[in-house]
Amino acid sequence: MDLEDLFPSKPGDPLVELGKQDLDPLSVDELLARIEALKAEISRVEAHMARAETHRSAAEELFKKP
């Protein structure tokens, strides 16, 4: 499965565009920097997901029927 399968309704989506970029012209140092940037983005998304899950759990607890 490629990125376009995951994001078909978002033309110009940056993640799809990122997956299409040619890596051949990049040096090893540039590739390592790219990996570090992607790892940082993964951490950012995971932190956001954790906050969203905490928020959802709190809302569910608040509106839980007795």
PDB file of N, CA and C in Angstrom:
ATOM      1  N   MET A   1       0.859  -1.181   0.000  1.00  0.00           N
ATOM      2  CA  MET A   1       0.000   0.000   0.000  1.00  0.00           C
ATOM      3  C   MET A   1       0.898   1.235   0.000  1.00  0.00           C
ATOM      4  N   ASP A   2       0.622   2.159  -0.888  1.00  0.00           N
ATOM      5  CA  ASP A   2       1.420   3.379  -0.911  1.00  0.00           C
ATOM      6  C   ASP A   2       0.631   4.534  -0.303  1.00  0.00           C
ATOM      7  N   LEU A   3       1.270   5.694  -0.219  1.00  0.00           N
ATOM      8  CA  LEU A   3       0.657   6.845   0.441  1.00  0.00           C
ATOM      9  C   LEU A   3      -0.598   7.327  -0.268  1.00  0.00           C
ATOM     10  N   GLU A   4      -0.647   7.175  -1.581  1.00  0.00           N
ATOM     11  CA  GLU A   4      -1.836   7.625  -2.300  1.00  0.00           C
ATOM     12  C   GLU A   4      -3.044   6.777  -1.951  1.00  0.00           C
ATOM     13  N   ASP A   5      -2.816   5.512  -1.619  1.00  0.00           N
ATOM     14  CA  ASP A   5      -3.919   4.662  -1.170  1.00  0.00           C
ATOM     15  C   ASP A   5      -4.447   5.133   0.183  1.00  0.00           C
ATOM     16  N   LEU A   6      -3.534   5.615   1.021  1.00  0.00           N
ATOM     17  CA  LEU A   6      -3.926   6.081   2.354  1.00  0.00           C
ATOM     18  C   LEU A   6      -4.609   7.440   2.328  1.00  0.00           C
ATOM     19  N   PHE A   7      -4.214   8.300   1.392  1.00  0.00           N
ATOM     20  CA  PHE A   7      -4.713   9.667   1.347  1.00  0.00           C
ATOM     21  C   PHE A   7      -5.266  10.030  -0.027  1.00  0.00           C
ATOM     22  N   PRO A   8      -6.234   9.273  -0.538  1.00  0.00           N
ATOM     23  CA  PRO A   8      -6.693   9.526  -1.909  1.00  0.00           C
ATOM     24  C   PRO A   8      -7.479  10.819  -2.075  1.00  0.00           C
ATOM     25  N   SER A   9      -8.108  11.326  -1.012  1.00  0.00           N
ATOM     26  CA  SER A   9      -8.982  12.484  -1.157  1.00  0.00           C
ATOM     27  C   SER A   9      -8.274  13.807  -0.899  1.00  0.00           C
ATOM     28  N   LYS A  10      -6.966  13.772  -0.735  1.00  0.00           N
ATOM     29  CA  LYS A  10      -6.234  14.990  -0.412  1.00  0.00           C
ATOM     30  C   LYS A  10      -5.197  15.296  -1.493  1.00  0.00           C
ATOM     31  N   PRO A  11      -5.624  15.826  -2.603  1.00  0.00           N
ATOM     32  CA  PRO A  11      -4.620  16.156  -3.626  1.00  0.00           C
ATOM     33  C   PRO A  11      -3.658  17.212  -3.092  1.00  0.00           C
ATOM     34  N   GLY A  12      -2.389  17.017  -3.357  1.00  0.00           N
ATOM     35  CA  GLY A  12      -1.386  17.965  -2.898  1.00  0.00           C
ATOM     36  C   GLY A  12      -1.036  17.785  -1.430  1.00  0.00           C
ATOM     37  N   ASP A  13      -1.491  16.700  -0.811  1.00  0.00           N
ATOM     38  CA  ASP A  13      -1.181  16.449   0.595  1.00  0.00           C
ATOM     39  C   ASP A  13       0.337  16.373   0.754  1.00  0.00           C
ATOM     40  N   PRO A  14       0.896  17.090   1.717  1.00  0.00           N
ATOM     41  CA  PRO A  14       2.359  17.090   1.877  1.00  0.00           C
ATOM     42  C   PRO A  14       2.948  15.713   2.118  1.00  0.00           C
ATOM     43  N   LEU A  15       2.217  14.839   2.805  1.00  0.00           N
ATOM     44  CA  LEU A  15       2.732  13.496   3.056  1.00  0.00           C
ATOM     45  C   LEU A  15       2.822  12.700   1.753  1.00  0.00           C
ATOM     46  N   VAL A  16       1.830  12.835   0.907  1.00  0.00           N
ATOM     47  CA  VAL A  16       1.859  12.163  -0.395  1.00  0.00           C
ATOM     48  C   VAL A  16       3.007  12.714  -1.232  1.00  0.00           C
ATOM     49  N   GLU A  17       3.154  14.018  -1.226  1.00  0.00           N
ATOM     50  CA  GLU A  17       4.233  14.653  -1.998  1.00  0.00           C
ATOM     51  C   GLU A  17       5.598  14.218  -1.479  1.00  0.00           C
ATOM     52  N   LEU A  18       5.716  14.090  -0.172  1.00  0.00           N
ATOM     53  CA  LEU A  18       6.974  13.651   0.428  1.00  0.00           C
ATOM     54  C   LEU A  18       7.343  12.253  -0.067  1.00  0.00           C
ATOM     55  N   GLY A  19       6.357  11.383  -0.148  1.00  0.00           N
ATOM     56  CA  GLY A  19       6.597  10.026  -0.614  1.00  0.00           C
ATOM     57  C   GLY A  19       6.966   9.933  -2.081  1.00  0.00           C
ATOM     58  N   LYS A  20       6.657  10.963  -2.836  1.00  0.00           N
ATOM     59  CA  LYS A  20       6.964  10.974  -4.271  1.00  0.00           C
ATOM     60  C   LYS A  20       8.351  11.549  -4.576  1.00  0.00           C
ATOM     61  N   GLN A  21       8.963  12.190  -3.594  1.00  0.00           N
ATOM     62  CA  GLN A  21      10.235  12.857  -3.855  1.00  0.00           C
ATOM     63  C   GLN A  21      11.328  11.854  -4.201  1.00  0.00           C
ATOM     64  N   ASP A  22      12.146  12.236  -5.183  1.00  0.00           N
ATOM     65  CA  ASP A  22      13.271  11.413  -5.609  1.00  0.00           C
ATOM     66  C   ASP A  22      14.390  11.553  -4.587  1.00  0.00           C
ATOM     67  N   LEU A  23      14.831  10.445  -4.025  1.00  0.00           N
ATOM     68  CA  LEU A  23      15.885  10.465  -3.021  1.00  0.00           C
ATOM     69  C   LEU A  23      17.278  10.341  -3.626  1.00  0.00           C
ATOM     70  N   ASP A  24      17.351  10.001  -4.904  1.00  0.00           N
ATOM     71  CA  ASP A  24      18.652   9.784  -5.545  1.00  0.00           C
ATOM     72  C   ASP A  24      19.614  10.966  -5.441  1.00  0.00           C
ATOM     73  N   PRO A  25      19.157  12.207  -5.612  1.00  0.00           N
ATOM     74  CA  PRO A  25      20.127  13.304  -5.564  1.00  0.00           C
ATOM     75  C   PRO A  25      20.612  13.656  -4.155  1.00  0.00           C
ATOM     76  N   LEU A  26      20.053  13.062  -3.128  1.00  0.00           N
ATOM     77  CA  LEU A  26      20.412  13.429  -1.753  1.00  0.00           C
ATOM     78  C   LEU A  26      21.657  12.675  -1.288  1.00  0.00           C
ATOM     79  N   SER A  27      22.492  13.384  -0.540  1.00  0.00           N
ATOM     80  CA  SER A  27      23.688  12.761   0.032  1.00  0.00           C
ATOM     81  C   SER A  27      23.294  11.955   1.274  1.00  0.00           C
ATOM     82  N   VAL A  28      24.219  11.174   1.769  1.00  0.00           N
ATOM     83  CA  VAL A  28      23.966  10.400   2.984  1.00  0.00           C
ATOM     84  C   VAL A  28      23.650  11.340   4.143  1.00  0.00           C
ATOM     85  N   ASP A  29      24.374  12.434   4.271  1.00  0.00           N
ATOM     86  CA  ASP A  29      24.102  13.402   5.339  1.00  0.00           C
ATOM     87  C   ASP A  29      22.702  13.995   5.207  1.00  0.00           C
ATOM     88  N   GLU A  30      22.301  14.298   3.980  1.00  0.00           N
ATOM     89  CA  GLU A  30      20.958  14.835   3.755  1.00  0.00           C
ATOM     90  C   GLU A  30      19.892  13.792   4.087  1.00  0.00           C
ATOM     91  N   LEU A  31      20.169  12.540   3.751  1.00  0.00           N
ATOM     92  CA  LEU A  31      19.224  11.472   4.074  1.00  0.00           C
ATOM     93  C   LEU A  31      19.111  11.278   5.581  1.00  0.00           C
ATOM     94  N   LEU A  32      20.237  11.347   6.284  1.00  0.00           N
ATOM     95  CA  LEU A  32      20.210  11.238   7.742  1.00  0.00           C
ATOM     96  C   LEU A  32      19.432  12.392   8.367  1.00  0.00           C
ATOM     97  N   ALA A  33      19.617  13.595   7.842  1.00  0.00           N
ATOM     98  CA  ALA A  33      18.869  14.746   8.338  1.00  0.00           C
ATOM     99  C   ALA A  33      17.379  14.570   8.072  1.00  0.00           C
ATOM    100  N   ARG A  34      17.061  14.020   6.929  1.00  0.00           N
ATOM    101  CA  ARG A  34      15.657  13.765   6.589  1.00  0.00           C
ATOM    102  C   ARG A  34      15.049  12.750   7.552  1.00  0.00           C
ATOM    103  N   ILE A  35      15.789  11.702   7.851  1.00  0.00           N
ATOM    104  CA  ILE A  35      15.309  10.693   8.796  1.00  0.00           C
ATOM    105  C   ILE A  35      15.061  11.329  10.163  1.00  0.00           C
ATOM    106  N   GLU A  36      15.971  12.161  10.630  1.00  0.00           N
ATOM    107  CA  GLU A  36      15.796  12.825  11.928  1.00  0.00           C
ATOM    108  C   GLU A  36      14.566  13.727  11.925  1.00  0.00           C
ATOM    109  N   ALA A  37      14.346  14.428  10.825  1.00  0.00           N
ATOM    110  CA  ALA A  37      13.163  15.286  10.717  1.00  0.00           C
ATOM    111  C   ALA A  37      11.886  14.451  10.739  1.00  0.00           C
ATOM    112  N   LEU A  38      11.908  13.310  10.053  1.00  0.00           N
ATOM    113  CA  LEU A  38      10.739  12.433  10.040  1.00  0.00           C
ATOM    114  C   LEU A  38      10.491  11.820  11.416  1.00  0.00           C
ATOM    115  N   LYS A  39      11.562  11.443  12.124  1.00  0.00           N
ATOM    116  CA  LYS A  39      11.415  10.929  13.481  1.00  0.00           C
ATOM    117  C   LYS A  39      10.808  11.994  14.400  1.00  0.00           C
ATOM    118  N   ALA A  40      11.242  13.227  14.246  1.00  0.00           N
ATOM    119  CA  ALA A  40      10.680  14.317  15.053  1.00  0.00           C
ATOM    120  C   ALA A  40       9.198  14.504  14.741  1.00  0.00           C
ATOM    121  N   GLU A  41       8.831  14.371  13.489  1.00  0.00           N
ATOM    122  CA  GLU A  41       7.421  14.509  13.110  1.00  0.00           C
ATOM    123  C   GLU A  41       6.604  13.346  13.669  1.00  0.00           C
ATOM    124  N   ILE A  42       7.152  12.148  13.640  1.00  0.00           N
ATOM    125  CA  ILE A  42       6.464  10.999  14.222  1.00  0.00           C
ATOM    126  C   ILE A  42       6.235  11.233  15.714  1.00  0.00           C
ATOM    127  N   SER A  43       7.234  11.726  16.417  1.00  0.00           N
ATOM    128  CA  SER A  43       7.090  12.014  17.846  1.00  0.00           C
ATOM    129  C   SER A  43       6.015  13.062  18.079  1.00  0.00           C
ATOM    130  N   ARG A  44       5.975  14.072  17.238  1.00  0.00           N
ATOM    131  CA  ARG A  44       4.972  15.132  17.368  1.00  0.00           C
ATOM    132  C   ARG A  44       3.566  14.569  17.178  1.00  0.00           C
ATOM    133  N   VAL A  45       3.407  13.702  16.174  1.00  0.00           N
ATOM    134  CA  VAL A  45       2.097  13.094  15.904  1.00  0.00           C
ATOM    135  C   VAL A  45       1.695  12.163  17.039  1.00  0.00           C
ATOM    136  N   GLU A  46       2.650  11.385  17.545  1.00  0.00           N
ATOM    137  CA  GLU A  46       2.336  10.491  18.660  1.00  0.00           C
ATOM    138  C   GLU A  46       1.915  11.269  19.899  1.00  0.00           C
ATOM    139  N   ALA A  47       2.579  12.379  20.176  1.00  0.00           N
ATOM    140  CA  ALA A  47       2.210  13.214  21.325  1.00  0.00           C
ATOM    141  C   ALA A  47       0.806  13.787  21.136  1.00  0.00           C
ATOM    142  N   HIS A  48       0.497  14.202  19.920  1.00  0.00           N
ATOM    143  CA  HIS A  48      -0.837  14.733  19.629  1.00  0.00           C
ATOM    144  C   HIS A  48      -1.891  13.646  19.812  1.00  0.00           C
ATOM    145  N   MET A  49      -1.592  12.447  19.350  1.00  0.00           N
ATOM    146  CA  MET A  49      -2.525  11.332  19.517  1.00  0.00           C
ATOM    147  C   MET A  49      -2.763  11.043  20.998  1.00  0.00           C
ATOM    148  N   ALA A  50      -1.710  11.075  21.797  1.00  0.00           N
ATOM    149  CA  ALA A  50      -1.847  10.807  23.228  1.00  0.00           C
ATOM    150  C   ALA A  50      -2.731  11.871  23.881  1.00  0.00           C
ATOM    151  N   ARG A  51      -2.526  13.136  23.502  1.00  0.00           N
ATOM    152  CA  ARG A  51      -3.378  14.211  24.045  1.00  0.00           C
ATOM    153  C   ARG A  51      -4.825  14.018  23.611  1.00  0.00           C
ATOM    154  N   ALA A  52      -5.046  13.629  22.366  1.00  0.00           N
ATOM    155  CA  ALA A  52      -6.406  13.418  21.858  1.00  0.00           C
ATOM    156  C   ALA A  52      -7.074  12.254  22.593  1.00  0.00           C
ATOM    157  N   GLU A  53      -6.321  11.192  22.844  1.00  0.00           N
ATOM    158  CA  GLU A  53      -6.877  10.045  23.559  1.00  0.00           C
ATOM    159  C   GLU A  53      -7.217  10.416  25.003  1.00  0.00           C
ATOM    160  N   THR A  54      -6.353  11.197  25.641  1.00  0.00           N
ATOM    161  CA  THR A  54      -6.617  11.649  27.005  1.00  0.00           C
ATOM    162  C   THR A  54      -7.858  12.527  27.046  1.00  0.00           C
ATOM    163  N   HIS A  55      -7.963  13.423  26.095  1.00  0.00           N
ATOM    164  CA  HIS A  55      -9.120  14.314  26.014  1.00  0.00           C
ATOM    165  C   HIS A  55     -10.403  13.505  25.803  1.00  0.00           C
ATOM    166  N   ARG A  56     -10.338  12.540  24.901  1.00  0.00           N
ATOM    167  CA  ARG A  56     -11.509  11.715  24.619  1.00  0.00           C
ATOM    168  C   ARG A  56     -11.924  10.914  25.853  1.00  0.00           C
ATOM    169  N   SER A  57     -10.952  10.342  26.538  1.00  0.00           N
ATOM    170  CA  SER A  57     -11.254   9.568  27.744  1.00  0.00           C
ATOM    171  C   SER A  57     -11.901  10.444  28.811  1.00  0.00           C
ATOM    172  N   ALA A  58     -11.389  11.656  28.958  1.00  0.00           N
ATOM    173  CA  ALA A  58     -11.959  12.581  29.942  1.00  0.00           C
ATOM    174  C   ALA A  58     -13.388  12.943  29.565  1.00  0.00           C
ATOM    175  N   ALA A  59     -13.628  13.175  28.280  1.00  0.00           N
ATOM    176  CA  ALA A  59     -14.979  13.516  27.832  1.00  0.00           C
ATOM    177  C   ALA A  59     -15.924  12.336  28.031  1.00  0.00           C
ATOM    178  N   GLU A  60     -15.467  11.139  27.725  1.00  0.00           N
ATOM    179  CA  GLU A  60     -16.309   9.959  27.907  1.00  0.00           C
ATOM    180  C   GLU A  60     -16.634   9.756  29.375  1.00  0.00           C
ATOM    181  N   GLU A  61     -15.675   9.994  30.230  1.00  0.00           N
ATOM    182  CA  GLU A  61     -15.895   9.848  31.677  1.00  0.00           C
ATOM    183  C   GLU A  61     -16.878  10.888  32.178  1.00  0.00           C
ATOM    184  N   LEU A  62     -16.766  12.105  31.665  1.00  0.00           N
ATOM    185  CA  LEU A  62     -17.650  13.192  32.068  1.00  0.00           C
ATOM    186  C   LEU A  62     -19.108  12.921  31.674  1.00  0.00           C
ATOM    187  N   PHE A  63     -19.294  12.366  30.486  1.00  0.00           N
ATOM    188  CA  PHE A  63     -20.642  12.161  29.968  1.00  0.00           C
ATOM    189  C   PHE A  63     -21.144  10.723  30.133  1.00  0.00           C
ATOM    190  N   LYS A  64     -20.416   9.930  30.915  1.00  0.00           N
ATOM    191  CA  LYS A  64     -20.817   8.546  31.150  1.00  0.00           C
ATOM    192  C   LYS A  64     -22.122   8.512  31.943  1.00  0.00           C
ATOM    193  N   LYS A  65     -23.013   7.651  31.493  1.00  0.00           N
ATOM    194  CA  LYS A  65     -24.304   7.534  32.189  1.00  0.00           C
ATOM    195  C   LYS A  65     -24.103   6.709  33.474  1.00  0.00           C
ATOM    196  N   PRO A  66     -24.722   7.160  34.579  1.00  0.00           N
ATOM    197  CA  PRO A  66     -24.555   6.442  35.845  1.00  0.00           C
ATOM    198  C   PRO A  66     -25.237   5.100  35.857  1.00  0.00           C
TER     199      PRO A  66
END
